[in-house]
PDB file of N, CA and C in Angstrom:
ATOM      1  N   PRO A   1       0.823  -1.212  -0.014  1.00  0.00           N
ATOM      2  CA  PRO A   1       0.012  -0.003   0.002  1.00  0.00           C
ATOM      3  C   PRO A   1       0.876   1.255   0.000  1.00  0.00           C
ATOM      4  N   ASP A   2       0.297   2.346  -0.478  1.00  0.00           N
ATOM      5  CA  ASP A   2       1.004   3.630  -0.482  1.00  0.00           C
ATOM      6  C   ASP A   2       1.128   4.128   0.947  1.00  0.00           C
ATOM      7  N   LEU A   3       2.150   4.985   1.168  1.00  0.00           N
ATOM      8  CA  LEU A   3       2.325   5.647   2.448  1.00  0.00           C
ATOM      9  C   LEU A   3       2.101   7.119   2.226  1.00  0.00           C
ATOM     10  N   THR A   4       1.158   7.678   2.929  1.00  0.00           N
ATOM     11  CA  THR A   4       0.807   9.089   2.787  1.00  0.00           C
ATOM     12  C   THR A   4       0.670   9.691   4.151  1.00  0.00           C
ATOM     13  N   GLY A   5       1.135  10.949   4.320  1.00  0.00           N
ATOM     14  CA  GLY A   5       0.999  11.599   5.603  1.00  0.00           C
ATOM     15  C   GLY A   5       1.595  13.012   5.579  1.00  0.00           C
ATOM     16  N   HIS A   6       1.724  13.548   6.793  1.00  0.00           N
ATOM     17  CA  HIS A   6       2.339  14.843   6.893  1.00  0.00           C
ATOM     18  C   HIS A   6       3.078  14.924   8.250  1.00  0.00           C
ATOM     19  N   GLU A   7       4.089  15.759   8.271  1.00  0.00           N
ATOM     20  CA  GLU A   7       4.917  15.968   9.453  1.00  0.00           C
ATOM     21  C   GLU A   7       5.108  17.477   9.616  1.00  0.00           C
ATOM     22  N   LYS A   8       5.204  17.914  10.861  1.00  0.00           N
ATOM     23  CA  LYS A   8       5.429  19.343  11.106  1.00  0.00           C
ATOM     24  C   LYS A   8       6.923  19.521  11.399  1.00  0.00           C
ATOM     25  N   PHE A   9       7.539  20.387  10.596  1.00  0.00           N
ATOM     26  CA  PHE A   9       8.944  20.745  10.761  1.00  0.00           C
ATOM     27  C   PHE A   9       9.064  22.254  10.837  1.00  0.00           C
ATOM     28  N   GLY A  10       9.610  22.735  11.923  1.00  0.00           N
ATOM     29  CA  GLY A  10       9.845  24.182  12.054  1.00  0.00           C
ATOM     30  C   GLY A  10       8.603  25.021  11.854  1.00  0.00           C
ATOM     31  N   LEU A  11       8.576  25.775  10.746  1.00  0.00           N
ATOM     32  CA  LEU A  11       7.504  26.714  10.491  1.00  0.00           C
ATOM     33  C   LEU A  11       6.379  26.173   9.622  1.00  0.00           C
ATOM     34  N   GLY A  12       6.428  24.933   9.228  1.00  0.00           N
ATOM     35  CA  GLY A  12       5.403  24.457   8.313  1.00  0.00           C
ATOM     36  C   GLY A  12       5.267  22.952   8.305  1.00  0.00           C
ATOM     37  N   ASN A  13       4.277  22.480   7.529  1.00  0.00           N
ATOM     38  CA  ASN A  13       4.022  21.084   7.370  1.00  0.00           C
ATOM     39  C   ASN A  13       4.683  20.591   6.080  1.00  0.00           C
ATOM     40  N   VAL A  14       5.067  19.324   6.118  1.00  0.00           N
ATOM     41  CA  VAL A  14       5.566  18.629   4.929  1.00  0.00           C
ATOM     42  C   VAL A  14       4.577  17.503   4.659  1.00  0.00           C
ATOM     43  N   LYS A  15       3.985  17.514   3.486  1.00  0.00           N
ATOM     44  CA  LYS A  15       3.089  16.427   3.055  1.00  0.00           C
ATOM     45  C   LYS A  15       3.897  15.501   2.164  1.00  0.00           C
ATOM     46  N   TYR A  16       3.729  14.210   2.361  1.00  0.00           N
ATOM     47  CA  TYR A  16       4.487  13.260   1.583  1.00  0.00           C
ATOM     48  C   TYR A  16       3.614  12.111   1.111  1.00  0.00           C
ATOM     49  N   ASN A  17       4.023  11.511   0.017  1.00  0.00           N
ATOM     50  CA  ASN A  17       3.378  10.330  -0.523  1.00  0.00           C
ATOM     51  C   ASN A  17       4.441   9.421  -1.110  1.00  0.00           C
ATOM     52  N   ILE A  18       4.432   8.153  -0.710  1.00  0.00           N
ATOM     53  CA  ILE A  18       5.348   7.154  -1.263  1.00  0.00           C
ATOM     54  C   ILE A  18       4.417   6.095  -1.894  1.00  0.00           C
ATOM     55  N   SER A  19       4.582   5.942  -3.218  1.00  0.00           N
ATOM     56  CA  SER A  19       3.690   5.054  -3.941  1.00  0.00           C
ATOM     57  C   SER A  19       4.466   4.061  -4.816  1.00  0.00           C
ATOM     58  N   ARG A  20       3.746   3.129  -5.425  1.00  0.00           N
ATOM     59  CA  ARG A  20       4.301   2.127  -6.320  1.00  0.00           C
ATOM     60  C   ARG A  20       5.508   1.451  -5.653  1.00  0.00           C
ATOM     61  N   ILE A  21       5.322   1.003  -4.425  1.00  0.00           N
ATOM     62  CA  ILE A  21       6.382   0.360  -3.670  1.00  0.00           C
ATOM     63  C   ILE A  21       6.530  -1.097  -4.181  1.00  0.00           C
ATOM     64  N   HIS A  22       7.741  -1.419  -4.639  1.00  0.00           N
ATOM     65  CA  HIS A  22       7.967  -2.764  -5.161  1.00  0.00           C
ATOM     66  C   HIS A  22       9.272  -3.330  -4.526  1.00  0.00           C
ATOM     67  N   VAL A  23       9.163  -4.535  -3.998  1.00  0.00           N
ATOM     68  CA  VAL A  23      10.347  -5.233  -3.517  1.00  0.00           C
ATOM     69  C   VAL A  23      10.995  -5.838  -4.761  1.00  0.00           C
ATOM     70  N   THR A  24      12.221  -5.437  -5.074  1.00  0.00           N
ATOM     71  CA  THR A  24      12.872  -5.907  -6.272  1.00  0.00           C
ATOM     72  C   THR A  24      13.945  -6.956  -6.060  1.00  0.00           C
ATOM     73  N   ALA A  25      14.370  -7.116  -4.807  1.00  0.00           N
ATOM     74  CA  ALA A  25      15.384  -8.141  -4.523  1.00  0.00           C
ATOM     75  C   ALA A  25      15.330  -8.522  -3.045  1.00  0.00           C
ATOM     76  N   VAL A  26      15.440  -9.814  -2.779  1.00  0.00           N
ATOM     77  CA  VAL A  26      15.558 -10.333  -1.413  1.00  0.00           C
ATOM     78  C   VAL A  26      16.660 -11.396  -1.435  1.00  0.00           C
ATOM     79  N   GLU A  27      17.606 -11.276  -0.515  1.00  0.00           N
ATOM     80  CA  GLU A  27      18.664 -12.258  -0.412  1.00  0.00           C
ATOM     81  C   GLU A  27      18.660 -12.838   0.991  1.00  0.00           C
ATOM     82  N   LEU A  28      18.651 -14.163   1.071  1.00  0.00           N
ATOM     83  CA  LEU A  28      18.645 -14.866   2.355  1.00  0.00           C
ATOM     84  C   LEU A  28      19.834 -15.846   2.359  1.00  0.00           C
ATOM     85  N   PRO A  29      21.049 -15.328   2.552  1.00  0.00           N
ATOM     86  CA  PRO A  29      22.230 -16.211   2.448  1.00  0.00           C
ATOM     87  C   PRO A  29      22.325 -17.224   3.567  1.00  0.00           C
ATOM     88  N   SER A  30      21.685 -16.947   4.698  1.00  0.00           N
ATOM     89  CA  SER A  30      21.747 -17.884   5.817  1.00  0.00           C
ATOM     90  C   SER A  30      20.348 -17.941   6.468  1.00  0.00           C
ATOM     91  N   ALA A  31      19.693 -19.090   6.291  1.00  0.00           N
ATOM     92  CA  ALA A  31      18.358 -19.266   6.868  1.00  0.00           C
ATOM     93  C   ALA A  31      18.248 -20.690   7.347  1.00  0.00           C
ATOM     94  N   SER A  32      17.624 -20.898   8.532  1.00  0.00           N
ATOM     95  CA  SER A  32      17.431 -22.243   9.038  1.00  0.00           C
ATOM     96  C   SER A  32      16.107 -22.329   9.801  1.00  0.00           C
ATOM     97  N   ILE A  33      15.566 -23.521   9.778  1.00  0.00           N
ATOM     98  CA  ILE A  33      14.342 -23.827  10.518  1.00  0.00           C
ATOM     99  C   ILE A  33      14.648 -25.060  11.385  1.00  0.00           C
ATOM    100  N   SER A  34      14.277 -24.969  12.642  1.00  0.00           N
ATOM    101  CA  SER A  34      14.467 -26.093  13.525  1.00  0.00           C
ATOM    102  C   SER A  34      13.228 -26.338  14.369  1.00  0.00           C
ATOM    103  N   LEU A  35      13.055 -27.566  14.776  1.00  0.00           N
ATOM    104  CA  LEU A  35      11.915 -27.941  15.639  1.00  0.00           C
ATOM    105  C   LEU A  35      12.299 -27.740  17.072  1.00  0.00           C
ATOM    106  N   LEU A  36      11.383 -27.173  17.867  1.00  0.00           N
ATOM    107  CA  LEU A  36      11.543 -27.020  19.286  1.00  0.00           C
ATOM    108  C   LEU A  36      10.647 -28.099  19.921  1.00  0.00           C
ATOM    109  N   PRO A  37      11.193 -29.158  20.452  1.00  0.00           N
ATOM    110  CA  PRO A  37      10.356 -30.258  20.958  1.00  0.00           C
ATOM    111  C   PRO A  37       9.281 -29.825  21.925  1.00  0.00           C
ATOM    112  N   GLY A  38       8.067 -30.185  21.601  1.00  0.00           N
ATOM    113  CA  GLY A  38       6.946 -29.906  22.456  1.00  0.00           C
ATOM    114  C   GLY A  38       6.397 -28.473  22.402  1.00  0.00           C
ATOM    115  N   SER A  39       7.037 -27.611  21.627  1.00  0.00           N
ATOM    116  CA  SER A  39       6.542 -26.240  21.624  1.00  0.00           C
ATOM    117  C   SER A  39       6.359 -25.597  20.244  1.00  0.00           C
ATOM    118  N   GLY A  40       7.231 -25.917  19.269  1.00  0.00           N
ATOM    119  CA  GLY A  40       7.009 -25.242  17.996  1.00  0.00           C
ATOM    120  C   GLY A  40       8.169 -25.284  17.073  1.00  0.00           C
ATOM    121  N   ILE A  41       8.352 -24.192  16.348  1.00  0.00           N
ATOM    122  CA  ILE A  41       9.345 -24.086  15.279  1.00  0.00           C
ATOM    123  C   ILE A  41      10.118 -22.783  15.461  1.00  0.00           C
ATOM    124  N   LYS A  42      11.409 -22.853  15.238  1.00  0.00           N
ATOM    125  CA  LYS A  42      12.313 -21.675  15.315  1.00  0.00           C
ATOM    126  C   LYS A  42      12.830 -21.385  13.939  1.00  0.00           C
ATOM    127  N   LEU A  43      12.681 -20.154  13.482  1.00  0.00           N
ATOM    128  CA  LEU A  43      13.190 -19.658  12.177  1.00  0.00           C
ATOM    129  C   LEU A  43      14.246 -18.656  12.470  1.00  0.00           C
ATOM    130  N   VAL A  44      15.435 -18.854  11.877  1.00  0.00           N
ATOM    131  CA  VAL A  44      16.537 -17.915  12.029  1.00  0.00           C
ATOM    132  C   VAL A  44      17.013 -17.525  10.636  1.00  0.00           C
ATOM    133  N   ILE A  45      17.054 -16.209  10.395  1.00  0.00           N
ATOM    134  CA  ILE A  45      17.545 -15.670   9.115  1.00  0.00           C
ATOM    135  C   ILE A  45      18.720 -14.754   9.460  1.00  0.00           C
ATOM    136  N   GLY A  46      19.847 -14.984   8.810  1.00  0.00           N
ATOM    137  CA  GLY A  46      21.007 -14.169   9.102  1.00  0.00           C
ATOM    138  C   GLY A  46      21.559 -13.449   7.867  1.00  0.00           C
ATOM    139  N   ASN A  47      22.005 -12.228   8.092  1.00  0.00           N
ATOM    140  CA  ASN A  47      22.657 -11.411   7.059  1.00  0.00           C
ATOM    141  C   ASN A  47      21.831 -11.278   5.781  1.00  0.00           C
ATOM    142  N   ALA A  48      20.538 -11.107   5.920  1.00  0.00           N
ATOM    143  CA  ALA A  48      19.680 -10.943   4.777  1.00  0.00           C
ATOM    144  C   ALA A  48      19.702  -9.519   4.259  1.00  0.00           C
ATOM    145  N   SER A  49      19.231  -9.338   3.021  1.00  0.00           N
ATOM    146  CA  SER A  49      19.134  -7.946   2.463  1.00  0.00           C
ATOM    147  C   SER A  49      17.863  -7.856   1.618  1.00  0.00           C
ATOM    148  N   LEU A  50      17.437  -6.607   1.418  1.00  0.00           N
ATOM    149  CA  LEU A  50      16.189  -6.314   0.762  1.00  0.00           C
ATOM    150  C   LEU A  50      16.358  -5.021  -0.016  1.00  0.00           C
ATOM    151  N   THR A  51      15.873  -4.999  -1.270  1.00  0.00           N
ATOM    152  CA  THR A  51      15.885  -3.770  -2.031  1.00  0.00           C
ATOM    153  C   THR A  51      14.478  -3.417  -2.487  1.00  0.00           C
ATOM    154  N   ILE A  52      14.112  -2.136  -2.286  1.00  0.00           N
ATOM    155  CA  ILE A  52      12.773  -1.656  -2.577  1.00  0.00           C
ATOM    156  C   ILE A  52      12.845  -0.451  -3.489  1.00  0.00           C
ATOM    157  N   ASN A  53      12.060  -0.404  -4.569  1.00  0.00           N
ATOM    158  CA  ASN A  53      11.963   0.757  -5.441  1.00  0.00           C
ATOM    159  C   ASN A  53      10.611   1.410  -5.204  1.00  0.00           C
ATOM    160  N   MET A  54      10.521   2.732  -5.424  1.00  0.00           N
ATOM    161  CA  MET A  54       9.292   3.444  -5.165  1.00  0.00           C
ATOM    162  C   MET A  54       9.275   4.790  -5.887  1.00  0.00           C
ATOM    163  N   ASN A  55       8.060   5.396  -5.957  1.00  0.00           N
ATOM    164  CA  ASN A  55       7.907   6.779  -6.335  1.00  0.00           C
ATOM    165  C   ASN A  55       7.713   7.578  -5.042  1.00  0.00           C
ATOM    166  N   TRP A  56       8.110   8.855  -5.040  1.00  0.00           N
ATOM    167  CA  TRP A  56       7.888   9.684  -3.889  1.00  0.00           C
ATOM    168  C   TRP A  56       7.554  11.092  -4.327  1.00  0.00           C
ATOM    169  N   ASN A  57       6.838  11.779  -3.484  1.00  0.00           N
ATOM    170  CA  ASN A  57       6.645  13.229  -3.673  1.00  0.00           C
ATOM    171  C   ASN A  57       6.431  13.908  -2.346  1.00  0.00           C
ATOM    172  N   ILE A  58       6.901  15.143  -2.251  1.00  0.00           N
ATOM    173  CA  ILE A  58       6.707  15.954  -1.068  1.00  0.00           C
ATOM    174  C   ILE A  58       6.197  17.327  -1.453  1.00  0.00           C
ATOM    175  N   LYS A  59       5.448  17.951  -0.567  1.00  0.00           N
ATOM    176  CA  LYS A  59       4.969  19.313  -0.777  1.00  0.00           C
ATOM    177  C   LYS A  59       5.088  20.088   0.529  1.00  0.00           C
ATOM    178  N   THR A  60       5.600  21.314   0.451  1.00  0.00           N
ATOM    179  CA  THR A  60       5.654  22.211   1.576  1.00  0.00           C
ATOM    180  C   THR A  60       5.048  23.538   1.125  1.00  0.00           C
ATOM    181  N   TRP A  61       4.960  24.498   1.986  1.00  0.00           N
ATOM    182  CA  TRP A  61       4.412  25.806   1.607  1.00  0.00           C
ATOM    183  C   TRP A  61       5.375  26.506   0.631  1.00  0.00           C
ATOM    184  N   MET A  62       6.657  26.047   0.623  1.00  0.00           N
ATOM    185  CA  MET A  62       7.637  26.763  -0.163  1.00  0.00           C
ATOM    186  C   MET A  62       8.013  26.039  -1.492  1.00  0.00           C
ATOM    187  N   PHE A  63       7.925  24.702  -1.516  1.00  0.00           N
ATOM    188  CA  PHE A  63       8.311  23.994  -2.725  1.00  0.00           C
ATOM    189  C   PHE A  63       7.645  22.605  -2.749  1.00  0.00           C
ATOM    190  N   LYS A  64       7.703  22.009  -3.936  1.00  0.00           N
ATOM    191  CA  LYS A  64       7.271  20.614  -4.072  1.00  0.00           C
ATOM    192  C   LYS A  64       8.284  19.897  -4.977  1.00  0.00           C
ATOM    193  N   ASP A  65       8.400  18.583  -4.751  1.00  0.00           N
ATOM    194  CA  ASP A  65       9.340  17.813  -5.556  1.00  0.00           C
ATOM    195  C   ASP A  65       8.843  16.334  -5.592  1.00  0.00           C
ATOM    196  N   SER A  66       9.322  15.609  -6.599  1.00  0.00           N
ATOM    197  CA  SER A  66       8.919  14.220  -6.719  1.00  0.00           C
ATOM    198  C   SER A  66      10.000  13.485  -7.509  1.00  0.00           C
ATOM    199  N   GLY A  67       9.933  12.165  -7.484  1.00  0.00           N
ATOM    200  CA  GLY A  67      10.895  11.386  -8.199  1.00  0.00           C
ATOM    201  C   GLY A  67      10.778   9.900  -7.871  1.00  0.00           C
ATOM    202  N   ARG A  68      11.885   9.212  -8.140  1.00  0.00           N
ATOM    203  CA  ARG A  68      11.980   7.748  -7.874  1.00  0.00           C
ATOM    204  C   ARG A  68      12.961   7.568  -6.762  1.00  0.00           C
ATOM    205  N   GLY A  69      12.844   6.482  -6.019  1.00  0.00           N
ATOM    206  CA  GLY A  69      13.779   6.207  -4.984  1.00  0.00           C
ATOM    207  C   GLY A  69      14.047   4.717  -4.840  1.00  0.00           C
ATOM    208  N   THR A  70      15.192   4.410  -4.218  1.00  0.00           N
ATOM    209  CA  THR A  70      15.601   3.048  -3.925  1.00  0.00           C
ATOM    210  C   THR A  70      16.062   2.965  -2.489  1.00  0.00           C
ATOM    211  N   VAL A  71      15.568   1.984  -1.797  1.00  0.00           N
ATOM    212  CA  VAL A  71      16.001   1.703  -0.410  1.00  0.00           C
ATOM    213  C   VAL A  71      16.615   0.328  -0.396  1.00  0.00           C
ATOM    214  N   HIS A  72      17.859   0.267   0.119  1.00  0.00           N
ATOM    215  CA  HIS A  72      18.535  -1.047   0.264  1.00  0.00           C
ATOM    216  C   HIS A  72      18.796  -1.242   1.767  1.00  0.00           C
ATOM    217  N   ILE A  73      18.257  -2.327   2.336  1.00  0.00           N
ATOM    218  CA  ILE A  73      18.417  -2.670   3.726  1.00  0.00           C
ATOM    219  C   ILE A  73      19.310  -3.938   3.793  1.00  0.00           C
ATOM    220  N   SER A  74      20.396  -3.864   4.535  1.00  0.00           N
ATOM    221  CA  SER A  74      21.282  -5.045   4.606  1.00  0.00           C
ATOM    222  C   SER A  74      21.600  -5.347   6.061  1.00  0.00           C
ATOM    223  N   LYS A  75      22.284  -6.465   6.251  1.00  0.00           N
ATOM    224  CA  LYS A  75      22.629  -7.004   7.572  1.00  0.00           C
ATOM    225  C   LYS A  75      21.394  -7.159   8.425  1.00  0.00           C
ATOM    226  N   VAL A  76      20.355  -7.751   7.830  1.00  0.00           N
ATOM    227  CA  VAL A  76      19.116  -8.031   8.536  1.00  0.00           C
ATOM    228  C   VAL A  76      19.179  -9.383   9.223  1.00  0.00           C
ATOM    229  N   PHE A  77      18.844  -9.417  10.490  1.00  0.00           N
ATOM    230  CA  PHE A  77      18.814 -10.673  11.271  1.00  0.00           C
ATOM    231  C   PHE A  77      17.439 -10.815  11.872  1.00  0.00           C
ATOM    232  N   VAL A  78      16.842 -12.009  11.726  1.00  0.00           N
ATOM    233  CA  VAL A  78      15.504 -12.294  12.249  1.00  0.00           C
ATOM    234  C   VAL A  78      15.548 -13.615  13.011  1.00  0.00           C
ATOM    235  N   THR A  79      14.960 -13.624  14.177  1.00  0.00           N
ATOM    236  CA  THR A  79      14.719 -14.874  14.911  1.00  0.00           C
ATOM    237  C   THR A  79      13.244 -14.871  15.293  1.00  0.00           C
ATOM    238  N   ALA A  80      12.545 -15.883  14.857  1.00  0.00           N
ATOM    239  CA  ALA A  80      11.082 -16.003  15.148  1.00  0.00           C
ATOM    240  C   ALA A  80      10.787 -17.362  15.726  1.00  0.00           C
ATOM    241  N   ILE A  81       9.924 -17.399  16.737  1.00  0.00           N
ATOM    242  CA  ILE A  81       9.464 -18.622  17.321  1.00  0.00           C
ATOM    243  C   ILE A  81       7.947 -18.745  17.058  1.00  0.00           C
ATOM    244  N   PHE A  82       7.556 -19.852  16.455  1.00  0.00           N
ATOM    245  CA  PHE A  82       6.180 -20.135  16.160  1.00  0.00           C
ATOM    246  C   PHE A  82       5.704 -21.285  17.082  1.00  0.00           C
ATOM    247  N   SER A  83       4.579 -21.106  17.742  1.00  0.00           N
ATOM    248  CA  SER A  83       4.056 -22.180  18.573  1.00  0.00           C
ATOM    249  C   SER A  83       3.036 -22.962  17.766  1.00  0.00           C
ATOM    250  N   THR A  84       3.101 -24.283  17.985  1.00  0.00           N
ATOM    251  CA  THR A  84       2.177 -25.190  17.296  1.00  0.00           C
ATOM    252  C   THR A  84       1.561 -26.117  18.355  1.00  0.00           C
ATOM    253  N   PRO A  85       0.379 -25.769  18.850  1.00  0.00           N
ATOM    254  CA  PRO A  85      -0.277 -26.606  19.839  1.00  0.00           C
ATOM    255  C   PRO A  85      -0.446 -28.028  19.297  1.00  0.00           C
ATOM    256  N   LEU A  86      -0.189 -28.999  20.175  1.00  0.00           N
ATOM    257  CA  LEU A  86      -0.209 -30.387  19.741  1.00  0.00           C
ATOM    258  C   LEU A  86      -1.455 -31.113  20.158  1.00  0.00           C
ATOM    259  N   ASP A  87      -2.557 -30.407  20.400  1.00  0.00           N
ATOM    260  CA  ASP A  87      -3.806 -31.130  20.707  1.00  0.00           C
ATOM    261  C   ASP A  87      -4.486 -31.581  19.432  1.00  0.00           C
ATOM    262  N   ASN A  88      -5.274 -32.616  19.551  1.00  0.00           N
ATOM    263  CA  ASN A  88      -5.958 -33.176  18.350  1.00  0.00           C
ATOM    264  C   ASN A  88      -7.401 -32.759  18.316  1.00  0.00           C
ATOM    265  N   THR A  89      -7.720 -31.559  18.797  1.00  0.00           N
ATOM    266  CA  THR A  89      -9.100 -31.127  18.870  1.00  0.00           C
ATOM    267  C   THR A  89      -9.591 -30.420  17.637  1.00  0.00           C
ATOM    268  N   GLY A  90      -8.759 -30.112  16.702  1.00  0.00           N
ATOM    269  CA  GLY A  90      -9.195 -29.382  15.500  1.00  0.00           C
ATOM    270  C   GLY A  90      -8.049 -29.209  14.540  1.00  0.00           C
ATOM    271  N   PRO A  91      -8.208 -28.270  13.609  1.00  0.00           N
ATOM    272  CA  PRO A  91      -7.155 -28.071  12.607  1.00  0.00           C
ATOM    273  C   PRO A  91      -5.895 -27.551  13.268  1.00  0.00           C
ATOM    274  N   THR A  92      -4.791 -27.878  12.655  1.00  0.00           N
ATOM    275  CA  THR A  92      -3.493 -27.413  13.177  1.00  0.00           C
ATOM    276  C   THR A  92      -3.412 -25.897  13.021  1.00  0.00           C
ATOM    277  N   SER A  93      -2.897 -25.271  14.069  1.00  0.00           N
ATOM    278  CA  SER A  93      -2.729 -23.813  14.039  1.00  0.00           C
ATOM    279  C   SER A  93      -1.319 -23.452  14.356  1.00  0.00           C
ATOM    280  N   ILE A  94      -0.880 -22.354  13.854  1.00  0.00           N
ATOM    281  CA  ILE A  94       0.463 -21.837  14.107  1.00  0.00           C
ATOM    282  C   ILE A  94       0.329 -20.384  14.488  1.00  0.00           C
ATOM    283  N   SER A  95       0.973 -19.986  15.607  1.00  0.00           N
ATOM    284  CA  SER A  95       0.962 -18.588  15.995  1.00  0.00           C
ATOM    285  C   SER A  95       2.369 -18.106  16.311  1.00  0.00           C
ATOM    286  N   LEU A  96       2.620 -16.845  16.075  1.00  0.00           N
ATOM    287  CA  LEU A  96       3.927 -16.247  16.333  1.00  0.00           C
ATOM    288  C   LEU A  96       4.040 -15.988  17.813  1.00  0.00           C
ATOM    289  N   SER A  97       4.978 -16.623  18.493  1.00  0.00           N
ATOM    290  CA  SER A  97       5.188 -16.439  19.935  1.00  0.00           C
ATOM    291  C   SER A  97       6.157 -15.304  20.222  1.00  0.00           C
ATOM    292  N   SER A  98       7.231 -15.185  19.435  1.00  0.00           N
ATOM    293  CA  SER A  98       8.180 -14.109  19.620  1.00  0.00           C
ATOM    294  C   SER A  98       8.914 -13.862  18.297  1.00  0.00           C
ATOM    295  N   CYS A  99       9.381 -12.637  18.175  1.00  0.00           N
ATOM    296  CA  CYS A  99      10.099 -12.252  16.952  1.00  0.00           C
ATOM    297  C   CYS A  99      11.067 -11.131  17.316  1.00  0.00           C
ATOM    298  N   ARG A 100      12.283 -11.280  16.840  1.00  0.00           N
ATOM    299  CA  ARG A 100      13.301 -10.246  17.052  1.00  0.00           C
ATOM    300  C   ARG A 100      13.973  -9.960  15.715  1.00  0.00           C
ATOM    301  N   THR A 101      14.055  -8.716  15.361  1.00  0.00           N
ATOM    302  CA  THR A 101      14.627  -8.299  14.045  1.00  0.00           C
ATOM    303  C   THR A 101      15.569  -7.150  14.291  1.00  0.00           C
ATOM    304  N   THR A 102      16.740  -7.212  13.673  1.00  0.00           N
ATOM    305  CA  THR A 102      17.661  -6.080  13.691  1.00  0.00           C
ATOM    306  C   THR A 102      18.145  -5.852  12.271  1.00  0.00           C
ATOM    307  N   SER A 103      18.459  -4.608  11.967  1.00  0.00           N
ATOM    308  CA  SER A 103      19.068  -4.318  10.656  1.00  0.00           C
ATOM    309  C   SER A 103      20.301  -3.452  10.866  1.00  0.00           C
ATOM    310  N   GLY A 104      21.298  -3.674  10.028  1.00  0.00           N
ATOM    311  CA  GLY A 104      22.577  -2.965  10.192  1.00  0.00           C
ATOM    312  C   GLY A 104      22.676  -1.715   9.399  1.00  0.00           C
ATOM    313  N   ASP A 105      22.395  -1.789   8.089  1.00  0.00           N
ATOM    314  CA  ASP A 105      22.612  -0.647   7.213  1.00  0.00           C
ATOM    315  C   ASP A 105      21.354  -0.378   6.375  1.00  0.00           C
ATOM    316  N   ILE A 106      21.053   0.877   6.211  1.00  0.00           N
ATOM    317  CA  ILE A 106      19.949   1.322   5.327  1.00  0.00           C
ATOM    318  C   ILE A 106      20.515   2.407   4.422  1.00  0.00           C
ATOM    319  N   ASP A 107      20.424   2.158   3.096  1.00  0.00           N
ATOM    320  CA  ASP A 107      20.919   3.119   2.115  1.00  0.00           C
ATOM    321  C   ASP A 107      19.713   3.592   1.310  1.00  0.00           C
ATOM    322  N   ILE A 108      19.477   4.926   1.323  1.00  0.00           N
ATOM    323  CA  ILE A 108      18.331   5.523   0.658  1.00  0.00           C
ATOM    324  C   ILE A 108      18.852   6.437  -0.452  1.00  0.00           C
ATOM    325  N   LYS A 109      18.365   6.211  -1.678  1.00  0.00           N
ATOM    326  CA  LYS A 109      18.767   7.080  -2.787  1.00  0.00           C
ATOM    327  C   LYS A 109      17.485   7.668  -3.399  1.00  0.00           C
ATOM    328  N   LEU A 110      17.384   8.962  -3.428  1.00  0.00           N
ATOM    329  CA  LEU A 110      16.220   9.658  -4.032  1.00  0.00           C
ATOM    330  C   LEU A 110      16.675  10.425  -5.256  1.00  0.00           C
ATOM    331  N   ASN A 111      15.989  10.211  -6.363  1.00  0.00           N
ATOM    332  CA  ASN A 111      16.227  10.924  -7.618  1.00  0.00           C
ATOM    333  C   ASN A 111      15.077  11.827  -7.865  1.00  0.00           C
ATOM    334  N   GLY A 112      15.302  13.114  -8.120  1.00  0.00           N
ATOM    335  CA  GLY A 112      14.238  14.058  -8.324  1.00  0.00           C
ATOM    336  C   GLY A 112      13.667  14.055  -9.730  1.00  0.00           C
ATOM    337  N   LYS A 113      12.487  14.581  -9.837  1.00  0.00           N
ATOM    338  CA  LYS A 113      11.773  14.749 -11.104  1.00  0.00           C
ATOM    339  C   LYS A 113      11.691  13.469 -11.929  1.00  0.00           C
ATOM    340  N   ARG A 114      10.571  12.747 -11.722  1.00  0.00           N
ATOM    341  CA  ARG A 114      10.343  11.492 -12.430  1.00  0.00           C
ATOM    342  C   ARG A 114      10.362  11.681 -13.907  1.00  0.00           C
TER     343      ARG A 114
END
C-alpha cells in the first residue's frame, strides 16, 4: 500500500506520498528452521538484504518535488518462534510467539523529477 501523511517541521508542514512500492530483490544467504520439541518451530535468518523501489513526492508551503527512490536494507537478522499446539481437537494452528529483528545498514537514494 501507499504511504501518505504529513509531518510538522519548524515553520510548516511537509506532506508526503510514497507510492508504487515494489520489492525488487531479497537475499537470504543464511536461513534455518528447527523444531523445538513440544513447543514449536524456530526460524533464524542471518545477514539478509532487501531492495525496494518506489515513487515519492513531497509538498511544503515553499516547494514541491517528486521522483523515484531506492532503499537497500542489509545486515538483517531475524529470529522468530512459532508455537504449534499439539492437541488433536481441531485443525493445526500456528501462531507467532516471539520475533526479534535487527538491521545494520539502510541506504536511501532519491532521484528528483520522475
